[in-house]
Amino acid sequence: MEERRKDPRKQTDHFFGVYHRETSEFIGKLIDLSTKGMMIQAVLSMEAGGIYEFRIDLPKSVAGKRFLSFDAECIWCRESTSSKENYDIGFQITDMKFKEIETIQYLLNDTLFHDSGQQPRLTLSKKLT
């Protein structure tokens, strides 16, 4: 399948919780991300065309931030291929401040993310004895 995105997404094998920005209700976990969009695995289905308010908690401080906050439009929603109890949902980011974009760019260059089809990058350190 031909990639139509101008800004390809990177995948993560780490847990990034996705929450409703105002209520803090857990929505799901982040699967992939770019500065233009994301895919999440959610506990409930969402309506295509709907605009949603998100907060994504970061597992560590990135560019001085502990979370991302933005609005995104649901582009598609389908039953998850990995869990019949969840939904895979694709979003296009519609409203994001420059600082959030900068944070995503830092994240995408971190070892927390990798290109689709590649193994996660591992950071090895020598144990001192």
N, C-alpha and C. Protein backbone atom coordinates (compact mmCIF):
# COMPACT_ATOMS: atom_id res chain seq x y z
N MET A 1 0.83 -1.17 0.00
CA MET A 1 0.00 0.00 0.00
C MET A 1 0.88 1.25 0.00
N GLU A 2 0.59 2.18 -0.87
CA GLU A 2 1.38 3.39 -1.00
C GLU A 2 1.14 4.33 0.18
N GLU A 3 2.22 4.86 0.74
CA GLU A 3 2.13 5.80 1.86
C GLU A 3 1.72 7.16 1.31
N ARG A 4 0.57 7.68 1.76
CA ARG A 4 0.06 8.96 1.29
C ARG A 4 0.41 10.11 2.22
N ARG A 5 0.92 9.81 3.39
CA ARG A 5 1.25 10.86 4.34
C ARG A 5 2.49 11.62 3.89
N LYS A 6 2.44 12.93 4.06
CA LYS A 6 3.60 13.76 3.76
C LYS A 6 4.57 13.75 4.94
N ASP A 7 4.05 13.41 6.10
CA ASP A 7 4.83 13.39 7.34
C ASP A 7 4.67 12.00 7.96
N PRO A 8 5.49 11.01 7.55
CA PRO A 8 5.31 9.64 8.02
C PRO A 8 5.35 9.53 9.54
N ARG A 9 4.53 8.64 10.07
CA ARG A 9 4.47 8.43 11.50
C ARG A 9 5.53 7.45 11.95
N LYS A 10 5.92 7.59 13.21
CA LYS A 10 6.83 6.64 13.83
C LYS A 10 6.07 5.90 14.92
N GLN A 11 6.45 4.65 15.11
CA GLN A 11 5.78 3.79 16.08
C GLN A 11 6.53 3.79 17.41
N THR A 12 5.80 3.40 18.46
CA THR A 12 6.42 3.26 19.77
C THR A 12 5.99 1.94 20.39
N ASP A 13 6.88 1.36 21.15
CA ASP A 13 6.58 0.15 21.91
C ASP A 13 6.45 0.48 23.40
N HIS A 14 6.49 1.76 23.72
CA HIS A 14 6.37 2.23 25.10
C HIS A 14 4.94 2.68 25.34
N PHE A 15 4.54 2.69 26.60
CA PHE A 15 3.18 3.11 26.93
C PHE A 15 3.10 4.63 27.04
N PHE A 16 2.24 5.20 26.20
CA PHE A 16 1.88 6.61 26.26
C PHE A 16 0.37 6.64 26.46
N GLY A 17 -0.11 7.03 27.63
CA GLY A 17 -1.53 7.10 27.89
C GLY A 17 -2.16 8.29 27.19
N VAL A 18 -3.31 8.05 26.55
CA VAL A 18 -4.06 9.11 25.86
C VAL A 18 -5.33 9.34 26.67
N TYR A 19 -5.58 10.62 27.01
CA TYR A 19 -6.69 10.98 27.89
C TYR A 19 -7.49 12.13 27.29
N HIS A 20 -8.75 12.25 27.71
CA HIS A 20 -9.54 13.42 27.36
C HIS A 20 -8.94 14.59 28.12
N ARG A 21 -8.67 15.67 27.42
CA ARG A 21 -7.94 16.79 28.01
C ARG A 21 -8.67 17.42 29.21
N GLU A 22 -9.98 17.54 29.16
CA GLU A 22 -10.71 18.22 30.22
C GLU A 22 -11.11 17.29 31.38
N THR A 23 -11.52 16.06 31.06
CA THR A 23 -12.03 15.17 32.11
C THR A 23 -10.98 14.20 32.65
N SER A 24 -9.85 14.08 31.96
CA SER A 24 -8.78 13.12 32.28
C SER A 24 -9.23 11.66 32.14
N GLU A 25 -10.35 11.41 31.46
CA GLU A 25 -10.82 10.05 31.21
C GLU A 25 -9.83 9.33 30.28
N PHE A 26 -9.45 8.11 30.65
CA PHE A 26 -8.54 7.31 29.83
C PHE A 26 -9.23 6.93 28.53
N ILE A 27 -8.58 7.21 27.41
CA ILE A 27 -9.12 6.88 26.10
C ILE A 27 -8.43 5.66 25.52
N GLY A 28 -7.11 5.61 25.64
CA GLY A 28 -6.37 4.49 25.07
C GLY A 28 -4.88 4.72 25.15
N LYS A 29 -4.15 4.00 24.28
CA LYS A 29 -2.70 4.14 24.25
C LYS A 29 -2.25 4.51 22.85
N LEU A 30 -1.17 5.27 22.79
CA LEU A 30 -0.60 5.73 21.54
C LEU A 30 0.10 4.58 20.83
N ILE A 31 -0.14 4.44 19.53
CA ILE A 31 0.52 3.41 18.71
C ILE A 31 1.58 4.05 17.82
N ASP A 32 1.19 5.14 17.12
CA ASP A 32 2.17 5.86 16.30
C ASP A 32 1.84 7.34 16.29
N LEU A 33 2.83 8.15 15.84
CA LEU A 33 2.71 9.60 15.97
C LEU A 33 3.53 10.31 14.91
N SER A 34 3.05 11.46 14.48
CA SER A 34 3.81 12.42 13.67
C SER A 34 3.34 13.80 14.11
N THR A 35 3.89 14.85 13.51
CA THR A 35 3.45 16.20 13.86
C THR A 35 2.09 16.50 13.23
N LYS A 36 1.60 15.62 12.38
CA LYS A 36 0.31 15.83 11.70
C LYS A 36 -0.79 14.90 12.17
N GLY A 37 -0.44 13.76 12.79
CA GLY A 37 -1.48 12.81 13.16
C GLY A 37 -0.96 11.71 14.07
N MET A 38 -1.88 10.80 14.40
CA MET A 38 -1.52 9.70 15.28
C MET A 38 -2.52 8.56 15.12
N MET A 39 -2.13 7.39 15.61
CA MET A 39 -3.04 6.27 15.74
C MET A 39 -3.01 5.85 17.20
N ILE A 40 -4.20 5.57 17.73
CA ILE A 40 -4.28 5.08 19.10
C ILE A 40 -5.05 3.77 19.10
N GLN A 41 -4.86 2.98 20.15
CA GLN A 41 -5.69 1.82 20.41
C GLN A 41 -6.57 2.24 21.58
N ALA A 42 -7.89 2.33 21.32
CA ALA A 42 -8.82 2.89 22.30
C ALA A 42 -9.75 1.83 22.87
N VAL A 43 -10.30 2.14 24.04
CA VAL A 43 -11.23 1.23 24.70
C VAL A 43 -12.66 1.37 24.16
N LEU A 44 -12.98 2.51 23.51
CA LEU A 44 -14.29 2.74 22.92
C LEU A 44 -14.12 3.22 21.48
N SER A 45 -15.11 2.97 20.65
CA SER A 45 -15.05 3.47 19.28
C SER A 45 -15.30 4.97 19.26
N MET A 46 -14.87 5.62 18.19
CA MET A 46 -15.07 7.06 18.02
C MET A 46 -15.63 7.30 16.63
N GLU A 47 -16.33 8.40 16.49
CA GLU A 47 -17.00 8.71 15.23
C GLU A 47 -16.07 9.44 14.27
N ALA A 48 -15.96 8.93 13.04
CA ALA A 48 -15.16 9.61 12.02
C ALA A 48 -15.74 11.00 11.79
N GLY A 49 -14.87 11.98 11.70
CA GLY A 49 -15.29 13.37 11.52
C GLY A 49 -15.41 14.13 12.83
N GLY A 50 -15.44 13.41 13.95
CA GLY A 50 -15.52 14.06 15.26
C GLY A 50 -14.20 14.69 15.66
N ILE A 51 -14.27 15.82 16.35
CA ILE A 51 -13.08 16.49 16.86
C ILE A 51 -12.97 16.17 18.35
N TYR A 52 -11.79 15.74 18.77
CA TYR A 52 -11.57 15.31 20.15
C TYR A 52 -10.43 16.09 20.77
N GLU A 53 -10.52 16.32 22.08
CA GLU A 53 -9.52 17.05 22.85
C GLU A 53 -8.65 16.04 23.61
N PHE A 54 -7.36 16.02 23.30
CA PHE A 54 -6.47 15.01 23.87
C PHE A 54 -5.38 15.59 24.76
N ARG A 55 -4.95 14.74 25.69
CA ARG A 55 -3.73 14.95 26.46
C ARG A 55 -2.99 13.62 26.42
N ILE A 56 -1.72 13.66 26.06
CA ILE A 56 -0.89 12.45 26.06
C ILE A 56 0.20 12.65 27.10
N ASP A 57 0.19 11.77 28.10
CA ASP A 57 1.23 11.82 29.13
C ASP A 57 2.51 11.22 28.59
N LEU A 58 3.62 11.89 28.86
CA LEU A 58 4.92 11.43 28.39
C LEU A 58 5.61 10.64 29.50
N PRO A 59 6.33 9.57 29.16
CA PRO A 59 6.98 8.75 30.19
C PRO A 59 8.19 9.44 30.83
N LYS A 60 8.65 10.52 30.21
CA LYS A 60 9.76 11.29 30.77
C LYS A 60 9.62 12.72 30.26
N SER A 61 10.30 13.65 30.87
CA SER A 61 10.27 15.04 30.43
C SER A 61 10.95 15.15 29.07
N VAL A 62 10.26 15.77 28.12
CA VAL A 62 10.79 15.96 26.76
C VAL A 62 10.67 17.44 26.42
N ALA A 63 11.78 18.07 26.13
CA ALA A 63 11.82 19.51 25.83
C ALA A 63 11.13 20.30 26.94
N GLY A 64 11.29 19.83 28.19
CA GLY A 64 10.72 20.51 29.33
C GLY A 64 9.24 20.26 29.57
N LYS A 65 8.64 19.34 28.81
CA LYS A 65 7.21 19.06 28.95
C LYS A 65 6.98 17.64 29.43
N ARG A 66 5.90 17.44 30.21
CA ARG A 66 5.52 16.11 30.71
C ARG A 66 4.28 15.58 30.00
N PHE A 67 3.64 16.39 29.12
CA PHE A 67 2.48 15.94 28.38
C PHE A 67 2.32 16.76 27.11
N LEU A 68 1.54 16.24 26.17
CA LEU A 68 1.14 16.95 24.95
C LEU A 68 -0.34 17.26 25.07
N SER A 69 -0.79 18.37 24.49
CA SER A 69 -2.19 18.75 24.52
C SER A 69 -2.57 19.32 23.16
N PHE A 70 -3.62 18.73 22.53
CA PHE A 70 -4.04 19.19 21.21
C PHE A 70 -5.42 18.64 20.86
N ASP A 71 -6.01 19.18 19.79
CA ASP A 71 -7.27 18.69 19.24
C ASP A 71 -6.95 17.89 17.99
N ALA A 72 -7.77 16.86 17.73
CA ALA A 72 -7.56 16.03 16.54
C ALA A 72 -8.90 15.53 16.01
N GLU A 73 -8.97 15.39 14.69
CA GLU A 73 -10.16 14.86 14.03
C GLU A 73 -10.01 13.37 13.78
N CYS A 74 -11.03 12.61 14.15
CA CYS A 74 -11.03 11.17 13.88
C CYS A 74 -11.23 10.97 12.37
N ILE A 75 -10.29 10.29 11.74
CA ILE A 75 -10.36 10.02 10.30
C ILE A 75 -10.96 8.65 10.04
N TRP A 76 -10.61 7.67 10.85
CA TRP A 76 -11.16 6.33 10.71
C TRP A 76 -11.13 5.61 12.06
N CYS A 77 -11.99 4.60 12.18
CA CYS A 77 -12.07 3.80 13.40
C CYS A 77 -12.46 2.39 13.00
N ARG A 78 -11.72 1.39 13.49
CA ARG A 78 -12.03 -0.01 13.19
C ARG A 78 -11.68 -0.89 14.38
N GLU A 79 -12.29 -2.07 14.42
CA GLU A 79 -11.97 -3.02 15.48
C GLU A 79 -10.48 -3.34 15.39
N SER A 80 -9.81 -3.39 16.53
CA SER A 80 -8.38 -3.62 16.57
C SER A 80 -8.03 -5.02 16.05
N THR A 81 -6.94 -5.09 15.32
CA THR A 81 -6.47 -6.39 14.83
C THR A 81 -5.79 -7.19 15.93
N SER A 82 -5.32 -6.50 16.99
CA SER A 82 -4.60 -7.20 18.06
C SER A 82 -5.47 -7.49 19.28
N SER A 83 -6.62 -6.84 19.38
CA SER A 83 -7.50 -7.06 20.53
C SER A 83 -8.93 -6.77 20.13
N LYS A 84 -9.77 -7.78 20.13
CA LYS A 84 -11.17 -7.62 19.72
C LYS A 84 -11.97 -6.74 20.68
N GLU A 85 -11.41 -6.41 21.84
CA GLU A 85 -12.09 -5.56 22.81
C GLU A 85 -11.75 -4.09 22.63
N ASN A 86 -10.83 -3.76 21.71
CA ASN A 86 -10.38 -2.39 21.51
C ASN A 86 -10.58 -1.96 20.06
N TYR A 87 -10.28 -0.68 19.82
CA TYR A 87 -10.42 -0.09 18.48
C TYR A 87 -9.13 0.61 18.10
N ASP A 88 -8.71 0.43 16.84
CA ASP A 88 -7.60 1.20 16.29
C ASP A 88 -8.23 2.42 15.62
N ILE A 89 -7.71 3.60 15.96
CA ILE A 89 -8.32 4.84 15.47
C ILE A 89 -7.23 5.77 14.95
N GLY A 90 -7.45 6.30 13.75
CA GLY A 90 -6.52 7.24 13.14
C GLY A 90 -7.02 8.66 13.26
N PHE A 91 -6.12 9.58 13.61
CA PHE A 91 -6.48 10.98 13.80
C PHE A 91 -5.57 11.90 13.01
N GLN A 92 -6.14 13.02 12.59
CA GLN A 92 -5.38 14.11 12.01
C GLN A 92 -5.41 15.25 13.03
N ILE A 93 -4.24 15.75 13.40
CA ILE A 93 -4.18 16.82 14.38
C ILE A 93 -4.69 18.11 13.74
N THR A 94 -5.61 18.78 14.43
CA THR A 94 -6.25 19.98 13.86
C THR A 94 -5.83 21.26 14.55
N ASP A 95 -5.46 21.19 15.81
CA ASP A 95 -5.11 22.39 16.55
C ASP A 95 -4.00 22.08 17.54
N MET A 96 -2.80 22.63 17.28
CA MET A 96 -1.67 22.36 18.15
C MET A 96 -0.77 23.59 18.20
N LYS A 97 -0.31 23.93 19.39
CA LYS A 97 0.60 25.05 19.57
C LYS A 97 2.01 24.66 19.11
N PHE A 98 2.81 25.66 18.76
CA PHE A 98 4.16 25.43 18.27
C PHE A 98 4.98 24.61 19.26
N LYS A 99 4.85 24.88 20.56
CA LYS A 99 5.63 24.16 21.58
C LYS A 99 5.32 22.66 21.56
N GLU A 100 4.05 22.31 21.26
CA GLU A 100 3.67 20.89 21.17
C GLU A 100 4.33 20.24 19.95
N ILE A 101 4.36 20.95 18.83
CA ILE A 101 5.00 20.43 17.62
C ILE A 101 6.49 20.19 17.88
N GLU A 102 7.11 21.15 18.55
CA GLU A 102 8.53 21.03 18.90
C GLU A 102 8.77 19.81 19.79
N THR A 103 7.90 19.58 20.75
CA THR A 103 8.02 18.44 21.64
C THR A 103 7.88 17.13 20.87
N ILE A 104 6.93 17.07 19.94
CA ILE A 104 6.75 15.86 19.12
C ILE A 104 8.01 15.61 18.30
N GLN A 105 8.60 16.65 17.73
CA GLN A 105 9.82 16.48 16.94
C GLN A 105 10.95 15.90 17.80
N TYR A 106 11.09 16.37 19.03
CA TYR A 106 12.07 15.79 19.95
C TYR A 106 11.76 14.32 20.22
N LEU A 107 10.48 14.02 20.48
CA LEU A 107 10.07 12.65 20.76
C LEU A 107 10.40 11.70 19.62
N LEU A 108 10.10 12.14 18.40
CA LEU A 108 10.28 11.27 17.24
C LEU A 108 11.75 10.95 16.97
N ASN A 109 12.65 11.76 17.50
CA ASN A 109 14.09 11.49 17.37
C ASN A 109 14.65 10.76 18.57
N ASP A 110 13.80 10.45 19.53
CA ASP A 110 14.21 9.76 20.75
C ASP A 110 14.16 8.25 20.52
N THR A 111 14.81 7.51 21.39
CA THR A 111 14.79 6.05 21.29
C THR A 111 13.42 5.46 21.61
N LEU A 112 12.48 6.27 22.09
CA LEU A 112 11.12 5.80 22.37
C LEU A 112 10.35 5.48 21.10
N PHE A 113 10.79 6.00 19.94
CA PHE A 113 10.09 5.82 18.67
C PHE A 113 11.01 5.22 17.61
N HIS A 114 10.40 4.50 16.67
CA HIS A 114 11.15 3.91 15.56
C HIS A 114 10.28 3.92 14.31
N ASP A 115 10.94 3.81 13.15
CA ASP A 115 10.21 3.76 11.89
C ASP A 115 9.42 2.47 11.79
N SER A 116 8.31 2.53 11.08
CA SER A 116 7.48 1.35 10.85
C SER A 116 8.31 0.26 10.19
N GLY A 117 8.18 -0.96 10.67
CA GLY A 117 8.91 -2.09 10.09
C GLY A 117 10.30 -2.28 10.66
N GLN A 118 10.77 -1.34 11.46
CA GLN A 118 12.09 -1.48 12.07
C GLN A 118 11.93 -1.93 13.51
N GLN A 119 12.94 -2.58 13.99
CA GLN A 119 12.97 -2.96 15.40
C GLN A 119 13.21 -1.70 16.23
N PRO A 120 12.67 -1.65 17.43
CA PRO A 120 12.93 -0.50 18.30
C PRO A 120 14.43 -0.32 18.52
N ARG A 121 14.84 0.93 18.63
CA ARG A 121 16.25 1.22 18.93
C ARG A 121 16.49 0.96 20.40
N LEU A 122 17.55 0.24 20.68
CA LEU A 122 17.87 -0.08 22.07
C LEU A 122 19.08 0.74 22.50
N THR A 123 19.05 1.17 23.72
CA THR A 123 20.18 1.87 24.29
C THR A 123 20.83 0.92 25.29
N LEU A 124 22.06 0.54 25.02
CA LEU A 124 22.77 -0.39 25.89
C LEU A 124 23.80 0.38 26.72
N SER A 125 23.95 -0.04 27.92
CA SER A 125 24.98 0.58 28.75
C SER A 125 25.76 -0.54 29.44
N LYS A 126 27.01 -0.29 29.64
CA LYS A 126 27.87 -1.27 30.27
C LYS A 126 27.69 -1.17 31.78
N LYS A 127 27.50 -2.32 32.41
CA LYS A 127 27.36 -2.36 33.86
C LYS A 127 28.76 -2.31 34.47
N LEU A 128 28.91 -1.36 35.38
CA LEU A 128 30.20 -1.23 36.05
C LEU A 128 30.22 -2.13 37.26
N THR A 129 31.30 -2.86 37.44
CA THR A 129 31.42 -3.77 38.60
C THR A 129 32.57 -3.40 39.48
